[in-house]
Amino acid sequence: MKIKKLILLFSILLMVKSYAQESSAVPFLSLQQSPFLQGAGATGVAVITDDPLGFYYNPAILGVTAKTNHISTLFLTKKTEWIGIPDFNTNSYGLNIGYNLEGKLPISLGFGFIHNEINYNYYGNNENSFSCFSLGAGFNYPVIFSLGFSVKKFSSILTSYPIANLQTFFNSL
């Protein structure tokens, strides 16, 4: 009984220090990465899908989808316009691997990787990119319980103009 109370207390303390990604200074961090889920109204937290980019907002999905052993990838073939704006384009690719240990343990493990590049052409030559590494685990007895975490590395250059030349740049507009 003490172990159950300790696990409950630890879970509550863990949730208190968790912060969701609400918004960002650079808008590509708030985009749904999956084209399928973007077309479904930017859903993705509760929709369980084998889409290789579908775990961006909820890495715990990797633990659920890993119940079926799989490897899936998705590559966008060229830079695509972002939200129909001609000078904004993006390119994403990802990988999703799942393995079920059901024969030995009632656990399934999933790993996912996403890389995204976005370019704002009319602000000069700049590249913004991120890489997301995620791990998810699912416990399949007697109910399905899953958890996951992501590590994201960002690189953002908002403009290629040196700081001293920004005033000249804005005066030319």
N, C-alpha and C. Protein backbone atom coordinates (compact mmCIF):
# COMPACT_ATOMS: atom_id res chain seq x y z
N MET A 1 0.82 -1.19 0.00
CA MET A 1 0.00 0.00 0.00
C MET A 1 0.87 1.27 0.00
N LYS A 2 2.00 1.21 0.74
CA LYS A 2 2.89 2.37 0.78
C LYS A 2 3.49 2.64 -0.59
N ILE A 3 3.77 1.57 -1.33
CA ILE A 3 4.36 1.73 -2.66
C ILE A 3 3.38 2.42 -3.59
N LYS A 4 2.09 2.06 -3.51
CA LYS A 4 1.08 2.69 -4.35
C LYS A 4 0.95 4.18 -4.03
N LYS A 5 0.99 4.52 -2.76
CA LYS A 5 0.90 5.92 -2.36
C LYS A 5 2.14 6.70 -2.81
N LEU A 6 3.29 6.05 -2.72
CA LEU A 6 4.53 6.69 -3.15
C LEU A 6 4.54 6.93 -4.66
N ILE A 7 4.06 5.95 -5.42
CA ILE A 7 3.98 6.11 -6.87
C ILE A 7 3.00 7.23 -7.23
N LEU A 8 1.85 7.29 -6.53
CA LEU A 8 0.87 8.35 -6.77
C LEU A 8 1.47 9.72 -6.44
N LEU A 9 2.15 9.84 -5.32
CA LEU A 9 2.78 11.10 -4.94
C LEU A 9 3.85 11.51 -5.94
N PHE A 10 4.67 10.57 -6.37
CA PHE A 10 5.71 10.86 -7.36
C PHE A 10 5.08 11.32 -8.68
N SER A 11 4.00 10.68 -9.10
CA SER A 11 3.32 11.07 -10.35
C SER A 11 2.77 12.48 -10.26
N ILE A 12 2.19 12.84 -9.12
CA ILE A 12 1.65 14.19 -8.94
C ILE A 12 2.78 15.21 -8.95
N LEU A 13 3.88 14.93 -8.27
CA LEU A 13 5.01 15.86 -8.26
C LEU A 13 5.62 16.00 -9.63
N LEU A 14 5.65 14.93 -10.40
CA LEU A 14 6.19 14.98 -11.75
C LEU A 14 5.33 15.88 -12.64
N MET A 15 4.01 15.79 -12.48
CA MET A 15 3.11 16.61 -13.29
C MET A 15 3.17 18.08 -12.91
N VAL A 16 3.46 18.40 -11.67
CA VAL A 16 3.53 19.79 -11.23
C VAL A 16 4.65 20.53 -11.94
N LYS A 17 5.77 19.87 -12.19
CA LYS A 17 6.92 20.50 -12.83
C LYS A 17 6.92 20.36 -14.35
N SER A 18 5.88 19.83 -14.94
CA SER A 18 5.81 19.66 -16.39
C SER A 18 5.19 20.90 -17.02
N TYR A 19 5.79 21.38 -18.09
CA TYR A 19 5.29 22.56 -18.78
C TYR A 19 5.01 22.19 -20.24
N ALA A 20 3.83 22.48 -20.70
CA ALA A 20 3.46 22.18 -22.07
C ALA A 20 3.98 23.27 -22.99
N GLN A 21 4.22 22.92 -24.25
CA GLN A 21 4.65 23.90 -25.23
C GLN A 21 3.42 24.61 -25.76
N GLU A 22 3.21 25.84 -25.29
CA GLU A 22 2.01 26.58 -25.66
C GLU A 22 2.22 27.40 -26.92
N SER A 23 3.23 28.22 -26.93
CA SER A 23 3.51 29.06 -28.08
C SER A 23 5.01 29.32 -28.14
N SER A 24 5.43 30.06 -29.15
CA SER A 24 6.85 30.22 -29.35
C SER A 24 7.14 31.53 -30.07
N ALA A 25 8.37 32.00 -29.95
CA ALA A 25 8.80 33.19 -30.67
C ALA A 25 8.94 32.90 -32.15
N VAL A 26 9.31 31.69 -32.49
CA VAL A 26 9.40 31.30 -33.89
C VAL A 26 8.26 30.33 -34.18
N PRO A 27 7.39 30.67 -35.12
CA PRO A 27 6.13 29.93 -35.27
C PRO A 27 6.26 28.49 -35.71
N PHE A 28 7.37 28.09 -36.32
CA PHE A 28 7.44 26.71 -36.78
C PHE A 28 7.50 25.71 -35.63
N LEU A 29 7.80 26.17 -34.41
CA LEU A 29 7.82 25.26 -33.27
C LEU A 29 6.41 24.86 -32.84
N SER A 30 5.41 25.64 -33.22
CA SER A 30 4.03 25.36 -32.84
C SER A 30 3.26 24.61 -33.92
N LEU A 31 3.88 24.32 -35.04
CA LEU A 31 3.20 23.63 -36.14
C LEU A 31 3.07 22.14 -35.86
N GLN A 32 1.95 21.58 -36.24
CA GLN A 32 1.80 20.13 -36.24
C GLN A 32 2.67 19.60 -37.38
N GLN A 33 3.56 18.70 -37.11
CA GLN A 33 4.53 18.23 -38.10
C GLN A 33 3.96 17.23 -39.08
N SER A 34 2.94 16.50 -38.70
CA SER A 34 2.37 15.48 -39.55
C SER A 34 1.39 16.08 -40.56
N PRO A 35 1.59 15.85 -41.87
CA PRO A 35 0.62 16.35 -42.85
C PRO A 35 -0.77 15.75 -42.65
N PHE A 36 -0.83 14.48 -42.27
CA PHE A 36 -2.12 13.83 -42.00
C PHE A 36 -2.86 14.52 -40.86
N LEU A 37 -2.17 14.77 -39.76
CA LEU A 37 -2.81 15.39 -38.61
C LEU A 37 -3.04 16.88 -38.82
N GLN A 38 -2.21 17.54 -39.62
CA GLN A 38 -2.46 18.95 -39.97
C GLN A 38 -3.75 19.06 -40.76
N GLY A 39 -3.97 18.13 -41.69
CA GLY A 39 -5.22 18.11 -42.46
C GLY A 39 -6.43 17.75 -41.64
N ALA A 40 -6.21 17.12 -40.50
CA ALA A 40 -7.30 16.75 -39.60
C ALA A 40 -7.54 17.82 -38.55
N GLY A 41 -7.14 19.04 -38.83
CA GLY A 41 -7.41 20.15 -37.92
C GLY A 41 -6.33 20.35 -36.88
N ALA A 42 -5.10 19.98 -37.18
CA ALA A 42 -3.95 20.13 -36.28
C ALA A 42 -4.14 19.34 -34.99
N THR A 43 -4.82 18.21 -35.10
CA THR A 43 -4.96 17.33 -33.94
C THR A 43 -3.67 16.56 -33.75
N GLY A 44 -3.61 15.72 -32.78
CA GLY A 44 -2.42 14.91 -32.63
C GLY A 44 -2.11 14.52 -31.22
N VAL A 45 -2.70 15.14 -30.24
CA VAL A 45 -2.43 14.76 -28.86
C VAL A 45 -3.17 13.48 -28.51
N ALA A 46 -4.40 13.35 -28.96
CA ALA A 46 -5.21 12.19 -28.59
C ALA A 46 -5.41 11.20 -29.72
N VAL A 47 -5.06 11.55 -30.94
CA VAL A 47 -5.26 10.66 -32.07
C VAL A 47 -4.10 9.67 -32.12
N ILE A 48 -4.42 8.39 -32.03
CA ILE A 48 -3.39 7.36 -32.08
C ILE A 48 -3.19 6.97 -33.54
N THR A 49 -1.98 7.18 -34.04
CA THR A 49 -1.69 6.93 -35.44
C THR A 49 -0.28 6.39 -35.59
N ASP A 50 -0.05 5.60 -36.63
CA ASP A 50 1.30 5.11 -36.93
C ASP A 50 2.08 6.10 -37.79
N ASP A 51 1.55 7.28 -37.99
CA ASP A 51 2.22 8.31 -38.78
C ASP A 51 3.59 8.60 -38.17
N PRO A 52 4.67 8.57 -38.96
CA PRO A 52 6.01 8.79 -38.42
C PRO A 52 6.22 10.16 -37.79
N LEU A 53 5.40 11.14 -38.14
CA LEU A 53 5.53 12.48 -37.55
C LEU A 53 4.42 12.77 -36.54
N GLY A 54 3.57 11.80 -36.27
CA GLY A 54 2.38 12.03 -35.44
C GLY A 54 2.63 12.12 -33.95
N PHE A 55 3.82 11.85 -33.49
CA PHE A 55 4.10 11.85 -32.06
C PHE A 55 4.68 13.17 -31.56
N TYR A 56 4.74 14.20 -32.39
CA TYR A 56 5.42 15.45 -32.04
C TYR A 56 4.87 16.07 -30.76
N TYR A 57 3.56 16.14 -30.63
CA TYR A 57 2.97 16.73 -29.43
C TYR A 57 2.76 15.74 -28.30
N ASN A 58 2.73 14.44 -28.58
CA ASN A 58 2.48 13.45 -27.55
C ASN A 58 3.37 12.23 -27.79
N PRO A 59 4.59 12.21 -27.23
CA PRO A 59 5.48 11.08 -27.47
C PRO A 59 5.02 9.78 -26.83
N ALA A 60 4.05 9.83 -25.92
CA ALA A 60 3.52 8.60 -25.31
C ALA A 60 2.80 7.74 -26.34
N ILE A 61 2.38 8.33 -27.45
CA ILE A 61 1.75 7.56 -28.53
C ILE A 61 2.70 6.49 -29.05
N LEU A 62 4.00 6.73 -28.97
CA LEU A 62 4.97 5.74 -29.43
C LEU A 62 4.85 4.42 -28.65
N GLY A 63 4.53 4.49 -27.36
CA GLY A 63 4.35 3.29 -26.57
C GLY A 63 3.12 2.50 -26.96
N VAL A 64 2.07 3.20 -27.40
CA VAL A 64 0.83 2.53 -27.81
C VAL A 64 0.98 1.92 -29.20
N THR A 65 1.54 2.69 -30.13
CA THR A 65 1.68 2.17 -31.50
C THR A 65 2.73 1.07 -31.60
N ALA A 66 3.61 0.97 -30.60
CA ALA A 66 4.65 -0.07 -30.62
C ALA A 66 4.07 -1.44 -30.29
N LYS A 67 2.79 -1.53 -29.96
CA LYS A 67 2.18 -2.84 -29.71
C LYS A 67 2.26 -3.72 -30.96
N THR A 68 2.32 -3.11 -32.12
CA THR A 68 2.56 -3.84 -33.36
C THR A 68 3.97 -3.49 -33.80
N ASN A 69 4.82 -4.47 -33.96
CA ASN A 69 6.20 -4.22 -34.39
C ASN A 69 6.18 -3.52 -35.74
N HIS A 70 6.89 -2.41 -35.85
CA HIS A 70 6.86 -1.67 -37.12
C HIS A 70 8.07 -0.74 -37.24
N ILE A 71 8.35 -0.39 -38.47
CA ILE A 71 9.28 0.68 -38.83
C ILE A 71 8.57 1.49 -39.90
N SER A 72 8.47 2.80 -39.70
CA SER A 72 7.83 3.63 -40.71
C SER A 72 8.61 4.93 -40.87
N THR A 73 8.63 5.45 -42.08
CA THR A 73 9.33 6.70 -42.37
C THR A 73 8.42 7.59 -43.21
N LEU A 74 8.72 8.87 -43.20
CA LEU A 74 8.01 9.83 -44.04
C LEU A 74 8.99 10.91 -44.44
N PHE A 75 9.09 11.16 -45.73
CA PHE A 75 9.95 12.22 -46.27
C PHE A 75 9.10 13.08 -47.17
N LEU A 76 9.11 14.39 -46.96
CA LEU A 76 8.50 15.29 -47.92
C LEU A 76 9.48 15.43 -49.08
N THR A 77 8.99 15.33 -50.30
CA THR A 77 9.88 15.25 -51.45
C THR A 77 10.53 16.57 -51.84
N LYS A 78 9.95 17.68 -51.45
CA LYS A 78 10.54 18.98 -51.76
C LYS A 78 10.09 19.96 -50.69
N LYS A 79 10.67 21.13 -50.72
CA LYS A 79 10.22 22.15 -49.78
C LYS A 79 8.82 22.58 -50.17
N THR A 80 7.92 22.54 -49.24
CA THR A 80 6.51 22.84 -49.51
C THR A 80 6.14 24.19 -48.90
N GLU A 81 5.19 24.85 -49.52
CA GLU A 81 4.72 26.12 -48.99
C GLU A 81 4.03 25.89 -47.66
N TRP A 82 4.28 26.80 -46.73
CA TRP A 82 3.72 26.70 -45.40
C TRP A 82 2.47 27.57 -45.33
N ILE A 83 1.35 27.00 -45.12
CA ILE A 83 0.06 27.67 -44.98
C ILE A 83 -0.25 28.53 -46.21
N GLY A 84 0.21 28.14 -47.37
CA GLY A 84 -0.10 28.85 -48.61
C GLY A 84 0.64 30.15 -48.82
N ILE A 85 1.63 30.48 -48.01
CA ILE A 85 2.41 31.71 -48.18
C ILE A 85 3.60 31.37 -49.06
N PRO A 86 3.76 32.00 -50.21
CA PRO A 86 4.78 31.58 -51.18
C PRO A 86 6.22 31.68 -50.68
N ASP A 87 6.56 32.65 -49.86
CA ASP A 87 7.95 32.82 -49.42
C ASP A 87 8.30 32.00 -48.19
N PHE A 88 7.36 31.33 -47.60
CA PHE A 88 7.63 30.46 -46.45
C PHE A 88 7.57 29.03 -46.95
N ASN A 89 8.64 28.26 -46.77
CA ASN A 89 8.56 26.85 -47.12
C ASN A 89 9.20 26.00 -46.05
N THR A 90 8.78 24.77 -46.00
CA THR A 90 9.22 23.85 -44.96
C THR A 90 9.53 22.48 -45.55
N ASN A 91 10.35 21.75 -44.85
CA ASN A 91 10.67 20.39 -45.26
C ASN A 91 10.81 19.55 -43.99
N SER A 92 10.10 18.44 -43.92
CA SER A 92 10.13 17.57 -42.75
C SER A 92 10.41 16.14 -43.17
N TYR A 93 11.04 15.41 -42.29
CA TYR A 93 11.15 13.97 -42.46
C TYR A 93 11.23 13.34 -41.08
N GLY A 94 10.86 12.07 -41.01
CA GLY A 94 10.84 11.41 -39.72
C GLY A 94 10.91 9.90 -39.83
N LEU A 95 11.15 9.29 -38.70
CA LEU A 95 11.29 7.85 -38.56
C LEU A 95 10.61 7.44 -37.27
N ASN A 96 9.96 6.29 -37.30
CA ASN A 96 9.23 5.78 -36.15
C ASN A 96 9.48 4.28 -36.08
N ILE A 97 9.97 3.79 -34.95
CA ILE A 97 10.26 2.36 -34.77
C ILE A 97 9.55 1.87 -33.52
N GLY A 98 8.88 0.74 -33.61
CA GLY A 98 8.21 0.17 -32.45
C GLY A 98 8.49 -1.31 -32.31
N TYR A 99 8.61 -1.76 -31.06
CA TYR A 99 8.86 -3.17 -30.79
C TYR A 99 8.08 -3.59 -29.56
N ASN A 100 7.40 -4.72 -29.66
CA ASN A 100 6.58 -5.24 -28.58
C ASN A 100 7.32 -6.39 -27.90
N LEU A 101 7.51 -6.30 -26.59
CA LEU A 101 8.16 -7.34 -25.80
C LEU A 101 7.13 -8.28 -25.16
N GLU A 102 5.97 -8.37 -25.75
CA GLU A 102 4.85 -9.09 -25.16
C GLU A 102 5.18 -10.53 -24.78
N GLY A 103 6.06 -11.21 -25.48
CA GLY A 103 6.40 -12.59 -25.14
C GLY A 103 7.11 -12.71 -23.80
N LYS A 104 7.91 -11.71 -23.44
CA LYS A 104 8.68 -11.74 -22.19
C LYS A 104 8.06 -10.85 -21.12
N LEU A 105 7.71 -9.63 -21.49
CA LEU A 105 7.13 -8.65 -20.58
C LEU A 105 5.95 -7.97 -21.27
N PRO A 106 4.97 -7.49 -20.52
CA PRO A 106 3.85 -6.78 -21.16
C PRO A 106 4.19 -5.33 -21.47
N ILE A 107 5.32 -5.11 -22.13
CA ILE A 107 5.80 -3.75 -22.41
C ILE A 107 6.07 -3.62 -23.90
N SER A 108 5.75 -2.46 -24.45
CA SER A 108 6.10 -2.13 -25.83
C SER A 108 6.90 -0.83 -25.82
N LEU A 109 7.95 -0.77 -26.64
CA LEU A 109 8.84 0.39 -26.69
C LEU A 109 8.83 1.00 -28.08
N GLY A 110 8.83 2.31 -28.15
CA GLY A 110 8.86 3.00 -29.43
C GLY A 110 9.88 4.13 -29.42
N PHE A 111 10.50 4.36 -30.56
CA PHE A 111 11.45 5.45 -30.73
C PHE A 111 11.05 6.24 -31.96
N GLY A 112 11.16 7.57 -31.89
CA GLY A 112 10.82 8.40 -33.04
C GLY A 112 11.82 9.53 -33.22
N PHE A 113 11.97 9.94 -34.46
CA PHE A 113 12.87 11.04 -34.81
C PHE A 113 12.16 11.91 -35.85
N ILE A 114 12.22 13.22 -35.66
CA ILE A 114 11.68 14.19 -36.63
C ILE A 114 12.74 15.26 -36.86
N HIS A 115 12.91 15.65 -38.12
CA HIS A 115 13.76 16.79 -38.45
C HIS A 115 12.94 17.72 -39.35
N ASN A 116 12.98 19.00 -39.06
CA ASN A 116 12.22 19.98 -39.82
C ASN A 116 13.10 21.17 -40.11
N GLU A 117 12.99 21.69 -41.33
CA GLU A 117 13.65 22.94 -41.72
C GLU A 117 12.59 23.87 -42.28
N ILE A 118 12.67 25.13 -41.90
CA ILE A 118 11.75 26.13 -42.45
C ILE A 118 12.57 27.34 -42.87
N ASN A 119 12.18 27.94 -43.98
CA ASN A 119 12.92 29.06 -44.56
C ASN A 119 11.96 30.21 -44.81
N TYR A 120 12.31 31.38 -44.31
CA TYR A 120 11.58 32.61 -44.58
C TYR A 120 12.37 33.36 -45.63
N ASN A 121 12.09 33.16 -46.91
CA ASN A 121 12.93 33.67 -47.99
C ASN A 121 13.01 35.19 -48.06
N TYR A 122 11.95 35.90 -47.74
CA TYR A 122 12.02 37.34 -47.95
C TYR A 122 12.71 38.09 -46.83
N TYR A 123 13.16 37.43 -45.78
CA TYR A 123 13.96 38.08 -44.74
C TYR A 123 15.45 37.89 -44.97
N GLY A 124 15.85 37.46 -46.13
CA GLY A 124 17.25 37.15 -46.38
C GLY A 124 17.43 35.64 -46.34
N ASN A 125 18.64 35.21 -46.45
CA ASN A 125 18.91 33.77 -46.46
C ASN A 125 19.02 33.28 -45.02
N ASN A 126 17.96 32.69 -44.52
CA ASN A 126 17.99 32.17 -43.16
C ASN A 126 17.38 30.79 -43.11
N GLU A 127 17.85 30.01 -42.22
CA GLU A 127 17.34 28.65 -42.02
C GLU A 127 17.03 28.47 -40.55
N ASN A 128 15.89 27.94 -40.29
CA ASN A 128 15.50 27.56 -38.95
C ASN A 128 15.22 26.07 -38.99
N SER A 129 15.71 25.35 -38.00
CA SER A 129 15.53 23.91 -38.03
C SER A 129 15.44 23.38 -36.61
N PHE A 130 14.90 22.19 -36.50
CA PHE A 130 14.92 21.49 -35.23
C PHE A 130 14.97 19.99 -35.49
N SER A 131 15.46 19.28 -34.49
CA SER A 131 15.44 17.83 -34.47
C SER A 131 14.78 17.40 -33.19
N CYS A 132 13.94 16.39 -33.27
CA CYS A 132 13.19 15.90 -32.12
C CYS A 132 13.45 14.40 -31.98
N PHE A 133 13.95 14.00 -30.84
CA PHE A 133 14.17 12.60 -30.52
C PHE A 133 13.19 12.23 -29.41
N SER A 134 12.41 11.18 -29.61
CA SER A 134 11.39 10.80 -28.64
C SER A 134 11.45 9.32 -28.33
N LEU A 135 11.07 9.00 -27.11
CA LEU A 135 11.01 7.62 -26.65
C LEU A 135 9.69 7.43 -25.92
N GLY A 136 9.01 6.35 -26.24
CA GLY A 136 7.74 6.05 -25.59
C GLY A 136 7.71 4.61 -25.14
N ALA A 137 7.01 4.36 -24.04
CA ALA A 137 6.87 3.00 -23.52
C ALA A 137 5.42 2.78 -23.14
N GLY A 138 4.93 1.59 -23.43
CA GLY A 138 3.56 1.23 -23.08
C GLY A 138 3.54 -0.01 -22.23
N PHE A 139 2.72 0.00 -21.19
CA PHE A 139 2.53 -1.15 -20.32
C PHE A 139 1.15 -1.70 -20.64
N ASN A 140 1.05 -2.96 -21.04
CA ASN A 140 -0.16 -3.51 -21.63
C ASN A 140 -0.94 -4.45 -20.72
N TYR A 141 -0.85 -4.32 -19.41
CA TYR A 141 -1.56 -5.26 -18.55
C TYR A 141 -2.03 -4.56 -17.30
N PRO A 142 -3.25 -4.64 -16.84
CA PRO A 142 -4.47 -5.08 -17.52
C PRO A 142 -5.06 -4.00 -18.41
N VAL A 143 -4.63 -2.76 -18.23
CA VAL A 143 -5.04 -1.68 -19.13
C VAL A 143 -3.79 -1.13 -19.80
N ILE A 144 -3.98 -0.39 -20.86
CA ILE A 144 -2.83 0.19 -21.55
C ILE A 144 -2.46 1.51 -20.87
N PHE A 145 -1.23 1.59 -20.42
CA PHE A 145 -0.67 2.79 -19.80
C PHE A 145 0.60 3.12 -20.56
N SER A 146 0.74 4.35 -21.01
CA SER A 146 1.95 4.69 -21.75
C SER A 146 2.50 6.03 -21.28
N LEU A 147 3.78 6.18 -21.46
CA LEU A 147 4.44 7.44 -21.15
C LEU A 147 5.53 7.67 -22.19
N GLY A 148 5.94 8.92 -22.31
CA GLY A 148 6.96 9.25 -23.30
C GLY A 148 7.61 10.58 -22.99
N PHE A 149 8.75 10.79 -23.58
CA PHE A 149 9.42 12.09 -23.45
C PHE A 149 10.15 12.40 -24.74
N SER A 150 10.40 13.68 -24.94
CA SER A 150 11.08 14.16 -26.14
C SER A 150 12.24 15.06 -25.76
N VAL A 151 13.28 15.01 -26.57
CA VAL A 151 14.39 15.94 -26.47
C VAL A 151 14.46 16.64 -27.82
N LYS A 152 14.41 17.98 -27.79
CA LYS A 152 14.38 18.75 -29.03
C LYS A 152 15.58 19.69 -29.08
N LYS A 153 16.23 19.73 -30.24
CA LYS A 153 17.37 20.63 -30.47
C LYS A 153 16.95 21.63 -31.53
N PHE A 154 17.06 22.92 -31.23
CA PHE A 154 16.61 23.97 -32.13
C PHE A 154 17.78 24.80 -32.62
N SER A 155 17.66 25.27 -33.86
CA SER A 155 18.61 26.21 -34.44
C SER A 155 17.80 27.25 -35.18
N SER A 156 17.94 28.51 -34.81
CA SER A 156 17.13 29.55 -35.43
C SER A 156 17.98 30.77 -35.73
N ILE A 157 17.93 31.20 -36.98
CA ILE A 157 18.57 32.44 -37.42
C ILE A 157 17.44 33.26 -38.04
N LEU A 158 17.01 34.29 -37.35
CA LEU A 158 15.86 35.05 -37.83
C LEU A 158 16.19 35.93 -39.01
N THR A 159 17.43 36.35 -39.14
CA THR A 159 17.82 37.15 -40.29
C THR A 159 19.31 36.94 -40.57
N SER A 160 19.69 37.08 -41.82
CA SER A 160 21.10 36.93 -42.17
C SER A 160 21.81 38.28 -42.17
N TYR A 161 21.06 39.35 -41.88
CA TYR A 161 21.67 40.69 -41.87
C TYR A 161 22.40 40.92 -40.56
N PRO A 162 23.60 41.50 -40.60
CA PRO A 162 24.28 41.85 -39.34
C PRO A 162 23.46 42.88 -38.57
N ILE A 163 23.62 42.89 -37.26
CA ILE A 163 22.84 43.78 -36.40
C ILE A 163 23.04 45.24 -36.79
N ALA A 164 24.25 45.65 -37.17
CA ALA A 164 24.52 47.03 -37.53
C ALA A 164 23.75 47.44 -38.78
N ASN A 165 23.42 46.50 -39.66
CA ASN A 165 22.72 46.82 -40.90
C ASN A 165 21.20 46.68 -40.80
N LEU A 166 20.67 46.31 -39.64
CA LEU A 166 19.22 46.14 -39.51
C LEU A 166 18.46 47.45 -39.71
N GLN A 167 19.00 48.55 -39.19
CA GLN A 167 18.31 49.84 -39.34
C GLN A 167 18.23 50.20 -40.83
N THR A 168 19.29 49.97 -41.58
CA THR A 168 19.28 50.22 -43.01
C THR A 168 18.27 49.31 -43.71
N PHE A 169 18.21 48.07 -43.28
CA PHE A 169 17.26 47.13 -43.85
C PHE A 169 15.82 47.59 -43.64
N PHE A 170 15.49 47.99 -42.39
CA PHE A 170 14.11 48.40 -42.10
C PHE A 170 13.75 49.73 -42.77
N ASN A 171 14.76 50.60 -42.96
CA ASN A 171 14.49 51.88 -43.64
C ASN A 171 14.23 51.65 -45.12
N SER A 172 14.78 50.56 -45.69
CA SER A 172 14.57 50.29 -47.11
C SER A 172 13.19 49.71 -47.40
N LEU A 173 12.48 49.28 -46.39
CA LEU A 173 11.13 48.72 -46.59
C LEU A 173 10.13 49.75 -46.84
